[in-house]
Every structure is written in structure tokens, then in C-alpha cells.
Full PDB file with SEQRES, HELIX, SHEET, SSBOND, CRYST1, ORIGX, SCALE, CONECT and MASTER records, all heavy atoms in Angstrom:
SEQRES   1 A   34  ILE GLU GLU LEU LYS ASP GLU ARG ASP ARG ALA GLN ALA          
SEQRES   2 A   34  GLN ALA GLN GLU LEU ALA LYS ALA LEU ALA PHE GLY ARG          
SEQRES   3 A   34  PRO ALA GLU VAL ASP VAL GLU THR                              
HELIX    1 AA1 GLU A    2  PHE A   24  1                                  23    
CRYST1    1.000    1.000    1.000  90.00  90.00  90.00 P 1           1          
ORIGX1      1.000000  0.000000  0.000000        0.00000                         
ORIGX2      0.000000  1.000000  0.000000        0.00000                         
ORIGX3      0.000000  0.000000  1.000000        0.00000                         
SCALE1      1.000000  0.000000  0.000000        0.00000                         
SCALE2      0.000000  1.000000  0.000000        0.00000                         
SCALE3      0.000000  0.000000  1.000000        0.00000                         
ATOM      1  N   ILE A   1      18.833   8.538   2.517  1.00  0.00           N  
ATOM      2  CA  ILE A   1      18.072   8.583   1.257  1.00  0.00           C  
ATOM      3  C   ILE A   1      17.383   7.248   1.014  1.00  0.00           C  
ATOM      4  O   ILE A   1      16.214   7.193   0.609  1.00  0.00           O  
ATOM      5  CB  ILE A   1      19.000   8.950   0.093  1.00  0.00           C  
ATOM      6  CG1 ILE A   1      19.444  10.416   0.206  1.00  0.00           C  
ATOM      7  CG2 ILE A   1      18.309   8.720  -1.252  1.00  0.00           C  
ATOM      8  CD1 ILE A   1      20.535  10.807  -0.770  1.00  0.00           C  
ATOM      9  N   GLU A   2      18.108   6.149   1.271  1.00  0.00           N  
ATOM     10  CA  GLU A   2      17.526   4.817   1.079  1.00  0.00           C  
ATOM     11  C   GLU A   2      16.330   4.618   2.000  1.00  0.00           C  
ATOM     12  O   GLU A   2      15.297   4.064   1.594  1.00  0.00           O  
ATOM     13  CB  GLU A   2      18.592   3.754   1.355  1.00  0.00           C  
ATOM     14  CG  GLU A   2      18.182   2.341   0.988  1.00  0.00           C  
ATOM     15  CD  GLU A   2      18.189   2.089  -0.498  1.00  0.00           C  
ATOM     16  OE1 GLU A   2      18.790   2.889  -1.252  1.00  0.00           O  
ATOM     17  OE2 GLU A   2      17.582   1.099  -0.917  1.00  0.00           O  
ATOM     18  N   GLU A   3      16.439   5.077   3.239  1.00  0.00           N  
ATOM     19  CA  GLU A   3      15.333   4.934   4.185  1.00  0.00           C  
ATOM     20  C   GLU A   3      14.123   5.747   3.737  1.00  0.00           C  
ATOM     21  O   GLU A   3      12.973   5.297   3.844  1.00  0.00           O  
ATOM     22  CB  GLU A   3      15.785   5.367   5.578  1.00  0.00           C  
ATOM     23  CG  GLU A   3      16.792   4.408   6.204  1.00  0.00           C  
ATOM     24  CD  GLU A   3      17.351   4.916   7.514  1.00  0.00           C  
ATOM     25  OE1 GLU A   3      17.104   6.110   7.819  1.00  0.00           O  
ATOM     26  OE2 GLU A   3      18.009   4.148   8.221  1.00  0.00           O  
ATOM     27  N   LEU A   4      14.369   6.952   3.228  1.00  0.00           N  
ATOM     28  CA  LEU A   4      13.253   7.767   2.725  1.00  0.00           C  
ATOM     29  C   LEU A   4      12.584   7.101   1.527  1.00  0.00           C  
ATOM     30  O   LEU A   4      11.356   7.132   1.392  1.00  0.00           O  
ATOM     31  CB  LEU A   4      13.772   9.159   2.345  1.00  0.00           C  
ATOM     32  CG  LEU A   4      14.158  10.075   3.517  1.00  0.00           C  
ATOM     33  CD1 LEU A   4      14.809  11.348   2.985  1.00  0.00           C  
ATOM     34  CD2 LEU A   4      12.941  10.407   4.365  1.00  0.00           C  
ATOM     35  N   LYS A   5      13.400   6.500   0.658  1.00  0.00           N  
ATOM     36  CA  LYS A   5      12.829   5.779  -0.484  1.00  0.00           C  
ATOM     37  C   LYS A   5      11.970   4.609  -0.009  1.00  0.00           C  
ATOM     38  O   LYS A   5      10.923   4.317  -0.585  1.00  0.00           O  
ATOM     39  CB  LYS A   5      13.944   5.274  -1.398  1.00  0.00           C  
ATOM     40  CG  LYS A   5      14.630   6.365  -2.214  1.00  0.00           C  
ATOM     41  CD  LYS A   5      15.713   5.777  -3.109  1.00  0.00           C  
ATOM     42  CE  LYS A   5      16.370   6.854  -3.959  1.00  0.00           C  
ATOM     43  NZ  LYS A   5      17.456   6.292  -4.807  1.00  0.00           N  
ATOM     44  N   ASP A   6      12.432   3.933   1.058  1.00  0.00           N  
ATOM     45  CA  ASP A   6      11.647   2.823   1.601  1.00  0.00           C  
ATOM     46  C   ASP A   6      10.295   3.304   2.107  1.00  0.00           C  
ATOM     47  O   ASP A   6       9.260   2.662   1.884  1.00  0.00           O  
ATOM     48  CB  ASP A   6      12.417   2.159   2.749  1.00  0.00           C  
ATOM     49  CG  ASP A   6      13.620   1.366   2.263  1.00  0.00           C  
ATOM     50  OD1 ASP A   6      13.717   1.147   1.038  1.00  0.00           O  
ATOM     51  OD2 ASP A   6      14.455   0.986   3.100  1.00  0.00           O  
ATOM     52  N   GLU A   7      10.301   4.436   2.811  1.00  0.00           N  
ATOM     53  CA  GLU A   7       9.039   4.979   3.307  1.00  0.00           C  
ATOM     54  C   GLU A   7       8.116   5.359   2.150  1.00  0.00           C  
ATOM     55  O   GLU A   7       6.908   5.121   2.188  1.00  0.00           O  
ATOM     56  CB  GLU A   7       9.318   6.201   4.192  1.00  0.00           C  
ATOM     57  CG  GLU A   7       9.998   5.867   5.510  1.00  0.00           C  
ATOM     58  CD  GLU A   7       9.155   4.941   6.356  1.00  0.00           C  
ATOM     59  OE1 GLU A   7       7.918   5.118   6.388  1.00  0.00           O  
ATOM     60  OE2 GLU A   7       9.717   4.027   6.973  1.00  0.00           O  
ATOM     61  N   ARG A   8       8.680   5.965   1.101  1.00  0.00           N  
ATOM     62  CA  ARG A   8       7.872   6.301  -0.066  1.00  0.00           C  
ATOM     63  C   ARG A   8       7.292   5.054  -0.699  1.00  0.00           C  
ATOM     64  O   ARG A   8       6.120   5.020  -1.080  1.00  0.00           O  
ATOM     65  CB  ARG A   8       8.746   7.040  -1.082  1.00  0.00           C  
ATOM     66  CG  ARG A   8       7.998   7.446  -2.355  1.00  0.00           C  
ATOM     67  CD  ARG A   8       8.952   7.762  -3.481  1.00  0.00           C  
ATOM     68  NE  ARG A   8       9.732   6.605  -3.849  1.00  0.00           N  
ATOM     69  CZ  ARG A   8      10.732   6.629  -4.730  1.00  0.00           C  
ATOM     70  NH1 ARG A   8      11.105   7.763  -5.279  1.00  0.00           N  
ATOM     71  NH2 ARG A   8      11.397   5.527  -5.016  1.00  0.00           N  
ATOM     72  N   ASP A   9       8.131   4.011  -0.784  1.00  0.00           N  
ATOM     73  CA  ASP A   9       7.679   2.754  -1.379  1.00  0.00           C  
ATOM     74  C   ASP A   9       6.517   2.153  -0.603  1.00  0.00           C  
ATOM     75  O   ASP A   9       5.541   1.674  -1.176  1.00  0.00           O  
ATOM     76  CB  ASP A   9       8.857   1.778  -1.419  1.00  0.00           C  
ATOM     77  CG  ASP A   9       8.425   0.395  -1.848  1.00  0.00           C  
ATOM     78  OD1 ASP A   9       7.830   0.286  -2.926  1.00  0.00           O  
ATOM     79  OD2 ASP A   9       8.678  -0.569  -1.108  1.00  0.00           O  
ATOM     80  N   ARG A  10       6.619   2.205   0.724  1.00  0.00           N  
ATOM     81  CA  ARG A  10       5.548   1.643   1.549  1.00  0.00           C  
ATOM     82  C   ARG A  10       4.239   2.412   1.328  1.00  0.00           C  
ATOM     83  O   ARG A  10       3.167   1.820   1.193  1.00  0.00           O  
ATOM     84  CB  ARG A  10       5.951   1.692   3.025  1.00  0.00           C  
ATOM     85  CG  ARG A  10       4.888   1.127   3.952  1.00  0.00           C  
ATOM     86  CD  ARG A  10       5.314   1.192   5.408  1.00  0.00           C  
ATOM     87  NE  ARG A  10       6.428   0.306   5.672  1.00  0.00           N  
ATOM     88  CZ  ARG A  10       6.903   0.078   6.913  1.00  0.00           C  
ATOM     89  NH1 ARG A  10       6.369   0.674   7.953  1.00  0.00           N  
ATOM     90  NH2 ARG A  10       7.917  -0.738   7.094  1.00  0.00           N  
ATOM     91  N   ALA A  11       4.336   3.738   1.293  1.00  0.00           N  
ATOM     92  CA  ALA A  11       3.133   4.543   1.081  1.00  0.00           C  
ATOM     93  C   ALA A  11       2.530   4.310  -0.303  1.00  0.00           C  
ATOM     94  O   ALA A  11       1.308   4.182  -0.457  1.00  0.00           O  
ATOM     95  CB  ALA A  11       3.467   6.022   1.262  1.00  0.00           C  
ATOM     96  N   GLN A  12       3.392   4.208  -1.324  1.00  0.00           N  
ATOM     97  CA  GLN A  12       2.890   3.952  -2.669  1.00  0.00           C  
ATOM     98  C   GLN A  12       2.234   2.590  -2.771  1.00  0.00           C  
ATOM     99  O   GLN A  12       1.185   2.435  -3.396  1.00  0.00           O  
ATOM    100  CB  GLN A  12       4.040   4.054  -3.677  1.00  0.00           C  
ATOM    101  CG  GLN A  12       4.521   5.470  -3.929  1.00  0.00           C  
ATOM    102  CD  GLN A  12       5.680   5.517  -4.908  1.00  0.00           C  
ATOM    103  OE1 GLN A  12       6.388   4.532  -5.103  1.00  0.00           O  
ATOM    104  NE2 GLN A  12       5.897   6.675  -5.512  1.00  0.00           N  
ATOM    105  N   ALA A  13       2.867   1.589  -2.152  1.00  0.00           N  
ATOM    106  CA  ALA A  13       2.307   0.238  -2.205  1.00  0.00           C  
ATOM    107  C   ALA A  13       0.936   0.187  -1.544  1.00  0.00           C  
ATOM    108  O   ALA A  13       0.003  -0.442  -2.054  1.00  0.00           O  
ATOM    109  CB  ALA A  13       3.269  -0.741  -1.529  1.00  0.00           C  
ATOM    110  N   GLN A  14       0.801   0.861  -0.406  1.00  0.00           N  
ATOM    111  CA  GLN A  14      -0.483   0.853   0.284  1.00  0.00           C  
ATOM    112  C   GLN A  14      -1.547   1.590  -0.540  1.00  0.00           C  
ATOM    113  O   GLN A  14      -2.683   1.129  -0.658  1.00  0.00           O  
ATOM    114  CB  GLN A  14      -0.347   1.495   1.659  1.00  0.00           C  
ATOM    115  CG  GLN A  14      -1.638   1.416   2.479  1.00  0.00           C  
ATOM    116  CD  GLN A  14      -1.399   1.748   3.932  1.00  0.00           C  
ATOM    117  OE1 GLN A  14      -0.271   1.768   4.409  1.00  0.00           O  
ATOM    118  NE2 GLN A  14      -2.465   2.009   4.657  1.00  0.00           N  
ATOM    119  N   ALA A  15      -1.177   2.730  -1.134  1.00  0.00           N  
ATOM    120  CA  ALA A  15      -2.132   3.471  -1.956  1.00  0.00           C  
ATOM    121  C   ALA A  15      -2.568   2.649  -3.167  1.00  0.00           C  
ATOM    122  O   ALA A  15      -3.753   2.619  -3.521  1.00  0.00           O  
ATOM    123  CB  ALA A  15      -1.509   4.787  -2.415  1.00  0.00           C  
ATOM    124  N   GLN A  16      -1.616   1.948  -3.791  1.00  0.00           N  
ATOM    125  CA  GLN A  16      -1.958   1.132  -4.959  1.00  0.00           C  
ATOM    126  C   GLN A  16      -2.806  -0.063  -4.564  1.00  0.00           C  
ATOM    127  O   GLN A  16      -3.684  -0.496  -5.310  1.00  0.00           O  
ATOM    128  CB  GLN A  16      -0.679   0.693  -5.667  1.00  0.00           C  
ATOM    129  CG  GLN A  16       0.024   1.836  -6.389  1.00  0.00           C  
ATOM    130  CD  GLN A  16       1.425   1.487  -6.811  1.00  0.00           C  
ATOM    131  OE1 GLN A  16       1.917   0.408  -6.535  1.00  0.00           O  
ATOM    132  NE2 GLN A  16       2.079   2.416  -7.492  1.00  0.00           N  
ATOM    133  N   GLU A  17      -2.540  -0.616  -3.399  1.00  0.00           N  
ATOM    134  CA  GLU A  17      -3.360  -1.734  -2.915  1.00  0.00           C  
ATOM    135  C   GLU A  17      -4.792  -1.277  -2.673  1.00  0.00           C  
ATOM    136  O   GLU A  17      -5.758  -1.976  -3.006  1.00  0.00           O  
ATOM    137  CB  GLU A  17      -2.753  -2.302  -1.642  1.00  0.00           C  
ATOM    138  CG  GLU A  17      -3.461  -3.547  -1.117  1.00  0.00           C  
ATOM    139  CD  GLU A  17      -3.371  -4.696  -2.094  1.00  0.00           C  
ATOM    140  OE1 GLU A  17      -2.422  -4.770  -2.869  1.00  0.00           O  
ATOM    141  OE2 GLU A  17      -4.290  -5.539  -2.075  1.00  0.00           O  
ATOM    142  N   LEU A  18      -4.953  -0.098  -2.105  1.00  0.00           N  
ATOM    143  CA  LEU A  18      -6.298   0.441  -1.891  1.00  0.00           C  
ATOM    144  C   LEU A  18      -7.016   0.673  -3.218  1.00  0.00           C  
ATOM    145  O   LEU A  18      -8.199   0.356  -3.371  1.00  0.00           O  
ATOM    146  CB  LEU A  18      -6.218   1.739  -1.091  1.00  0.00           C  
ATOM    147  CG  LEU A  18      -5.810   1.610   0.382  1.00  0.00           C  
ATOM    148  CD1 LEU A  18      -5.484   2.970   0.967  1.00  0.00           C  
ATOM    149  CD2 LEU A  18      -6.926   0.944   1.173  1.00  0.00           C  
ATOM    150  N   ALA A  19      -6.282   1.242  -4.183  1.00  0.00           N  
ATOM    151  CA  ALA A  19      -6.884   1.484  -5.491  1.00  0.00           C  
ATOM    152  C   ALA A  19      -7.290   0.184  -6.162  1.00  0.00           C  
ATOM    153  O   ALA A  19      -8.354   0.071  -6.765  1.00  0.00           O  
ATOM    154  CB  ALA A  19      -5.903   2.251  -6.378  1.00  0.00           C  
ATOM    155  N   LYS A  20      -6.418  -0.841  -6.049  1.00  0.00           N  
ATOM    156  CA  LYS A  20      -6.730  -2.133  -6.658  1.00  0.00           C  
ATOM    157  C   LYS A  20      -7.947  -2.769  -5.988  1.00  0.00           C  
ATOM    158  O   LYS A  20      -8.788  -3.391  -6.627  1.00  0.00           O  
ATOM    159  CB  LYS A  20      -5.512  -3.050  -6.573  1.00  0.00           C  
ATOM    160  CG  LYS A  20      -5.655  -4.348  -7.357  1.00  0.00           C  
ATOM    161  CD  LYS A  20      -4.394  -5.175  -7.238  1.00  0.00           C  
ATOM    162  CE  LYS A  20      -3.268  -4.552  -8.027  1.00  0.00           C  
ATOM    163  NZ  LYS A  20      -3.519  -4.621  -9.479  1.00  0.00           N  
ATOM    164  N   ALA A  21      -8.012  -2.618  -4.666  1.00  0.00           N  
ATOM    165  CA  ALA A  21      -9.147  -3.178  -3.936  1.00  0.00           C  
ATOM    166  C   ALA A  21     -10.462  -2.539  -4.396  1.00  0.00           C  
ATOM    167  O   ALA A  21     -11.474  -3.211  -4.564  1.00  0.00           O  
ATOM    168  CB  ALA A  21      -8.951  -2.973  -2.439  1.00  0.00           C  
ATOM    169  N   LEU A  22     -10.434  -1.225  -4.580  1.00  0.00           N  
ATOM    170  CA  LEU A  22     -11.638  -0.547  -5.059  1.00  0.00           C  
ATOM    171  C   LEU A  22     -12.006  -1.016  -6.463  1.00  0.00           C  
ATOM    172  O   LEU A  22     -13.180  -1.229  -6.780  1.00  0.00           O  
ATOM    173  CB  LEU A  22     -11.411   0.965  -5.048  1.00  0.00           C  
ATOM    174  CG  LEU A  22     -11.293   1.618  -3.661  1.00  0.00           C  
ATOM    175  CD1 LEU A  22     -10.887   3.079  -3.821  1.00  0.00           C  
ATOM    176  CD2 LEU A  22     -12.611   1.501  -2.911  1.00  0.00           C  
ATOM    177  N   ALA A  23     -10.998  -1.209  -7.303  1.00  0.00           N  
ATOM    178  CA  ALA A  23     -11.256  -1.614  -8.686  1.00  0.00           C  
ATOM    179  C   ALA A  23     -11.878  -2.989  -8.768  1.00  0.00           C  
ATOM    180  O   ALA A  23     -12.743  -3.258  -9.600  1.00  0.00           O  
ATOM    181  CB  ALA A  23      -9.953  -1.576  -9.489  1.00  0.00           C  
ATOM    182  N   PHE A  24     -11.450  -3.901  -7.882  1.00  0.00           N  
ATOM    183  CA  PHE A  24     -11.956  -5.270  -7.944  1.00  0.00           C  
ATOM    184  C   PHE A  24     -13.047  -5.548  -6.921  1.00  0.00           C  
ATOM    185  O   PHE A  24     -13.512  -6.670  -6.800  1.00  0.00           O  
ATOM    186  CB  PHE A  24     -10.799  -6.259  -7.737  1.00  0.00           C  
ATOM    187  CG  PHE A  24      -9.880  -6.358  -8.914  1.00  0.00           C  
ATOM    188  CD1 PHE A  24      -8.691  -5.659  -8.931  1.00  0.00           C  
ATOM    189  CD2 PHE A  24     -10.214  -7.133 -10.005  1.00  0.00           C  
ATOM    190  CE1 PHE A  24      -7.835  -5.738 -10.016  1.00  0.00           C  
ATOM    191  CE2 PHE A  24      -9.367  -7.223 -11.096  1.00  0.00           C  
ATOM    192  CZ  PHE A  24      -8.179  -6.524 -11.100  1.00  0.00           C  
ATOM    193  N   GLY A  25     -13.431  -4.520  -6.180  1.00  0.00           N  
ATOM    194  CA  GLY A  25     -14.530  -4.663  -5.238  1.00  0.00           C  
ATOM    195  C   GLY A  25     -14.254  -5.611  -4.103  1.00  0.00           C  
ATOM    196  O   GLY A  25     -15.123  -6.340  -3.642  1.00  0.00           O  
ATOM    197  N   ARG A  26     -13.021  -5.667  -3.605  1.00  0.00           N  
ATOM    198  CA  ARG A  26     -12.682  -6.551  -2.506  1.00  0.00           C  
ATOM    199  C   ARG A  26     -12.017  -5.740  -1.396  1.00  0.00           C  
ATOM    200  O   ARG A  26     -11.491  -4.651  -1.637  1.00  0.00           O  
ATOM    201  CB  ARG A  26     -11.727  -7.663  -2.962  1.00  0.00           C  
ATOM    202  CG  ARG A  26     -10.428  -7.159  -3.539  1.00  0.00           C  
ATOM    203  CD  ARG A  26      -9.579  -8.332  -4.030  1.00  0.00           C  
ATOM    204  NE  ARG A  26      -8.378  -7.862  -4.693  1.00  0.00           N  
ATOM    205  CZ  ARG A  26      -7.253  -7.534  -4.072  1.00  0.00           C  
ATOM    206  NH1 ARG A  26      -7.187  -7.618  -2.762  1.00  0.00           N  
ATOM    207  NH2 ARG A  26      -6.194  -7.127  -4.759  1.00  0.00           N  
ATOM    208  N   PRO A  27     -12.012  -6.255  -0.167  1.00  0.00           N  
ATOM    209  CA  PRO A  27     -11.371  -5.531   0.933  1.00  0.00           C  
ATOM    210  C   PRO A  27      -9.884  -5.354   0.675  1.00  0.00           C  
ATOM    211  O   PRO A  27      -9.227  -6.231   0.134  1.00  0.00           O  
ATOM    212  CB  PRO A  27     -11.609  -6.456   2.159  1.00  0.00           C  
ATOM    213  CG  PRO A  27     -12.756  -7.324   1.770  1.00  0.00           C  
ATOM    214  CD  PRO A  27     -12.653  -7.489   0.277  1.00  0.00           C  
ATOM    215  N   ALA A  28      -9.384  -4.221   1.048  1.00  0.00           N  
ATOM    216  CA  ALA A  28      -7.965  -3.942   0.839  1.00  0.00           C  
ATOM    217  C   ALA A  28      -7.115  -4.675   1.859  1.00  0.00           C  
ATOM    218  O   ALA A  28      -7.471  -4.787   3.023  1.00  0.00           O  
ATOM    219  CB  ALA A  28      -7.718  -2.435   0.968  1.00  0.00           C  
ATOM    220  N   GLU A  29      -5.952  -5.162   1.392  1.00  0.00           N  
ATOM    221  CA  GLU A  29      -4.977  -5.790   2.285  1.00  0.00           C  
ATOM    222  C   GLU A  29      -3.901  -4.756   2.575  1.00  0.00           C  
ATOM    223  O   GLU A  29      -2.891  -4.698   1.900  1.00  0.00           O  
ATOM    224  CB  GLU A  29      -4.364  -7.024   1.630  1.00  0.00           C  
ATOM    225  CG  GLU A  29      -5.374  -8.100   1.323  1.00  0.00           C  
ATOM    226  CD  GLU A  29      -4.705  -9.272   0.626  1.00  0.00           C  
ATOM    227  OE1 GLU A  29      -3.789  -9.894   1.200  1.00  0.00           O  
ATOM    228  OE2 GLU A  29      -5.083  -9.544  -0.520  1.00  0.00           O  
ATOM    229  N   VAL A  30      -4.159  -3.926   3.569  1.00  0.00           N  
ATOM    230  CA  VAL A  30      -3.222  -2.857   3.877  1.00  0.00           C  
ATOM    231  C   VAL A  30      -2.137  -3.380   4.805  1.00  0.00           C  
ATOM    232  O   VAL A  30      -2.186  -4.497   5.296  1.00  0.00           O  
ATOM    233  CB  VAL A  30      -3.954  -1.651   4.513  1.00  0.00           C  
ATOM    234  CG1 VAL A  30      -4.929  -1.063   3.524  1.00  0.00           C  
ATOM    235  CG2 VAL A  30      -4.680  -2.071   5.787  1.00  0.00           C  
ATOM    236  N   ASP A  31      -1.125  -2.548   5.015  1.00  0.00           N  
ATOM    237  CA  ASP A  31       0.036  -2.934   5.797  1.00  0.00           C  
ATOM    238  C   ASP A  31      -0.311  -2.923   7.274  1.00  0.00           C  
ATOM    239  O   ASP A  31      -0.101  -1.952   7.987  1.00  0.00           O  
ATOM    240  CB  ASP A  31       1.177  -1.949   5.507  1.00  0.00           C  
ATOM    241  CG  ASP A  31       2.459  -2.368   6.182  1.00  0.00           C  
ATOM    242  OD1 ASP A  31       2.505  -3.497   6.686  1.00  0.00           O  
ATOM    243  OD2 ASP A  31       3.401  -1.562   6.182  1.00  0.00           O  
ATOM    244  N   VAL A  32      -0.867  -4.043   7.769  1.00  0.00           N  
ATOM    245  CA  VAL A  32      -1.291  -4.158   9.151  1.00  0.00           C  
ATOM    246  C   VAL A  32      -0.452  -5.243   9.814  1.00  0.00           C  
ATOM    247  O   VAL A  32      -0.245  -6.308   9.246  1.00  0.00           O  
ATOM    248  CB  VAL A  32      -2.789  -4.524   9.240  1.00  0.00           C  
ATOM    249  CG1 VAL A  32      -3.206  -4.691  10.692  1.00  0.00           C  
ATOM    250  CG2 VAL A  32      -3.639  -3.455   8.568  1.00  0.00           C  
ATOM    251  N   GLU A  33       0.044  -4.994  10.992  1.00  0.00           N  
ATOM    252  CA  GLU A  33       0.842  -5.989  11.698  1.00  0.00           C  
ATOM    253  C   GLU A  33      -0.019  -7.196  12.060  1.00  0.00           C  
ATOM    254  O   GLU A  33      -1.198  -7.090  12.356  1.00  0.00           O  
ATOM    255  CB  GLU A  33       1.412  -5.372  12.992  1.00  0.00           C  
ATOM    256  CG  GLU A  33       2.300  -4.177  12.765  1.00  0.00           C  
ATOM    257  CD  GLU A  33       3.569  -4.545  12.031  1.00  0.00           C  
ATOM    258  OE1 GLU A  33       3.936  -5.730  12.045  1.00  0.00           O  
ATOM    259  OE2 GLU A  33       4.179  -3.646  11.438  1.00  0.00           O  
ATOM    260  N   THR A  34       0.598  -8.392  12.040  1.00  0.00           N  
ATOM    261  CA  THR A  34      -0.128  -9.603  12.394  1.00  0.00           C  
ATOM    262  C   THR A  34      -0.223  -9.760  13.910  1.00  0.00           C  
ATOM    263  O   THR A  34      -0.870 -10.672  14.392  1.00  0.00           O  
ATOM    264  CB  THR A  34       0.584 -10.826  11.800  1.00  0.00           C  
ATOM    265  OG1 THR A  34       1.937 -10.843  12.266  1.00  0.00           O  
ATOM    266  CG2 THR A  34       0.578 -10.763  10.284  1.00  0.00           C  
TER     267      THR A  34                                                      
MASTER        0    0    0    1    0    0    0    6  266    1    0    3          
END                                                                             
């Protein structure tokens, strides 16, 4: 259950980052490996 919550959290964080990027007109900082 904890692992599933982590996956949900990651997806939500990425979606919110994309939404924030659109709102402020800047490139999104998505979860990309360095």
C-alpha cells in the first residue's frame, strides 16, 4: 500500500508541476533522471 501511495504521489507531483509550469509560462521540471 505504501509503495502504491508513493507511485500516486509521484504522478500527482509531476501533474502539478506541469500545471504550474503552464500557469507561469515556464518549462516544466518533470521527473527526469540526471
